[in-house]
């Protein structure tokens, strides 16, 4: 995966050009990509239970609306918001432990990321 030539020129580094070898040796593309992939995985892991709860409640409300022919928008959104809040309240300790573990790993490895 090659960088755009603009990133290797003096325009990009500017007054930090003397740091180019230092920056390239520690903060590699692979490291940045792995950190971002892990961040996206964590965001998906934390958002999924609430979204699944909203999906299930939304499906049930839609079936109820189709059966009773009630087409009220607030009937669709309020239960979804309530389901998301209930799921978050129930799983909050797990959310907190997952986020704390992730951020602890980031902060613990921070000196390694910047080359210290």
Protein backbone atom coordinates (compact mmCIF):
# COMPACT_ATOMS: atom_id res chain seq x y z
CA UNK A 1 0.00 0.00 0.00
CA UNK A 2 1.92 3.00 -1.26
CA UNK A 3 1.38 6.51 -0.06
CA UNK A 4 0.44 9.34 -2.32
CA UNK A 5 3.64 11.13 -3.47
CA UNK A 6 2.33 14.34 -1.95
CA UNK A 7 2.72 12.81 1.52
CA UNK A 8 6.42 12.14 0.97
CA UNK A 9 7.32 15.62 -0.23
CA UNK A 10 8.33 18.77 1.61
CA UNK A 11 4.80 20.22 1.30
CA UNK A 12 3.40 17.63 3.68
CA UNK A 13 6.10 17.67 6.34
CA UNK A 14 6.93 21.37 6.01
CA UNK A 15 8.83 22.55 9.07
CA UNK A 16 8.69 18.99 10.46
CA UNK A 17 10.78 17.60 7.58
CA UNK A 18 13.64 16.81 9.94
CA UNK A 19 11.27 14.45 11.84
CA UNK A 20 10.30 12.44 8.74
CA UNK A 21 12.54 9.40 9.48
CA UNK A 22 11.42 9.38 13.11
CA UNK A 23 7.72 9.57 12.24
CA UNK A 24 7.93 6.91 9.57
CA UNK A 25 9.83 4.43 11.72
CA UNK A 26 7.32 4.32 14.58
CA UNK A 27 3.88 5.29 13.31
CA UNK A 28 3.58 3.01 10.31
CA UNK A 29 0.56 2.62 8.07
CA UNK A 30 -0.04 -0.87 9.41
CA UNK A 31 -0.14 0.42 12.98
CA UNK A 32 -2.59 3.21 12.15
CA UNK A 33 -4.81 0.82 10.20
CA UNK A 34 -4.80 -1.74 13.02
CA UNK A 35 -5.71 0.94 15.60
CA UNK A 36 -8.55 2.21 13.41
CA UNK A 37 -9.87 -1.29 12.73
CA UNK A 38 -9.89 -2.01 16.45
CA UNK A 39 -11.68 1.30 17.12
CA UNK A 40 -14.36 0.50 14.54
CA UNK A 41 -14.74 -3.00 15.96
CA UNK A 42 -15.21 -1.59 19.44
CA UNK A 43 -17.76 1.00 18.24
CA UNK A 44 -19.72 -1.73 16.45
CA UNK A 45 -19.55 -4.01 19.48
CA UNK A 46 -20.88 -1.29 21.77
CA UNK A 47 -23.61 -0.08 19.40
CA UNK A 48 -24.90 -3.49 18.27
CA UNK A 49 -26.98 -4.45 21.34
CA UNK A 50 -28.90 -1.16 21.31
CA UNK A 51 -29.46 -1.33 17.57
CA UNK A 52 -30.64 -4.93 17.73
CA UNK A 53 -33.06 -4.02 20.53
CA UNK A 54 -34.43 -1.13 18.47
CA UNK A 55 -34.72 -3.40 15.43
CA UNK A 56 -36.73 -6.03 17.30
CA UNK A 57 -39.05 -3.48 18.91
CA UNK A 58 -39.46 -1.64 15.59
CA UNK A 59 -40.40 -4.88 13.88
CA UNK A 60 -42.97 -5.69 16.56
CA UNK A 61 -44.45 -2.19 16.41
CA UNK A 62 -44.61 -2.36 12.61
CA UNK A 63 -46.45 -5.66 12.76
CA UNK A 64 -48.87 -4.17 15.33
CA UNK A 65 -49.42 -1.11 13.10
CA UNK A 66 -50.04 -3.30 10.05
CA UNK A 67 -52.54 -5.46 11.90
CA UNK A 68 -54.46 -2.57 13.48
CA UNK A 69 -53.97 -0.16 10.55
CA UNK A 70 -52.77 2.57 12.92
CA UNK A 71 -50.24 4.75 11.10
CA UNK A 72 -48.93 7.00 13.85
CA UNK A 73 -45.25 8.00 13.65
CA UNK A 74 -44.83 8.55 17.39
CA UNK A 75 -46.05 5.01 17.96
CA UNK A 76 -43.04 3.79 15.97
CA UNK A 77 -40.26 5.96 17.43
CA UNK A 78 -41.07 6.13 21.16
CA UNK A 79 -40.88 2.36 21.81
CA UNK A 80 -37.60 2.16 19.89
CA UNK A 81 -36.07 4.91 22.02
CA UNK A 82 -37.37 3.22 25.15
CA UNK A 83 -35.92 -0.14 24.09
CA UNK A 84 -32.54 1.46 23.43
CA UNK A 85 -32.54 3.10 26.86
CA UNK A 86 -33.53 -0.15 28.58
CA UNK A 87 -30.81 -2.12 26.77
CA UNK A 88 -28.26 0.54 27.64
CA UNK A 89 -29.32 0.55 31.30
CA UNK A 90 -29.11 -3.24 31.52
CA UNK A 91 -25.79 -3.57 29.67
CA UNK A 92 -24.10 -0.41 30.97
CA UNK A 93 -21.63 -2.28 33.22
CA UNK A 94 -20.57 -4.41 30.26
CA UNK A 95 -20.31 -1.33 27.99
CA UNK A 96 -18.19 0.40 30.59
CA UNK A 97 -15.85 -2.56 31.07
CA UNK A 98 -15.37 -3.00 27.31
CA UNK A 99 -14.67 0.70 26.72
CA UNK A 100 -12.36 0.90 29.75
CA UNK A 101 -10.38 -2.15 28.62
CA UNK A 102 -10.02 -0.71 25.11
CA UNK A 103 -8.93 2.73 26.27
CA UNK A 104 -6.58 1.22 28.86
CA UNK A 105 -4.88 -0.70 26.05
CA UNK A 106 -4.60 2.44 23.93
CA UNK A 107 -3.12 4.52 26.75
CA UNK A 108 -0.82 1.73 27.93
CA UNK A 109 0.64 1.29 24.44
CA UNK A 110 0.76 5.02 23.67
CA UNK A 111 4.54 5.31 24.27
CA UNK A 112 5.08 2.41 21.85
CA UNK A 113 2.94 4.17 19.24
CA UNK A 114 4.97 7.38 19.36
CA UNK A 115 8.30 5.61 19.66
CA UNK A 116 9.12 6.21 23.31
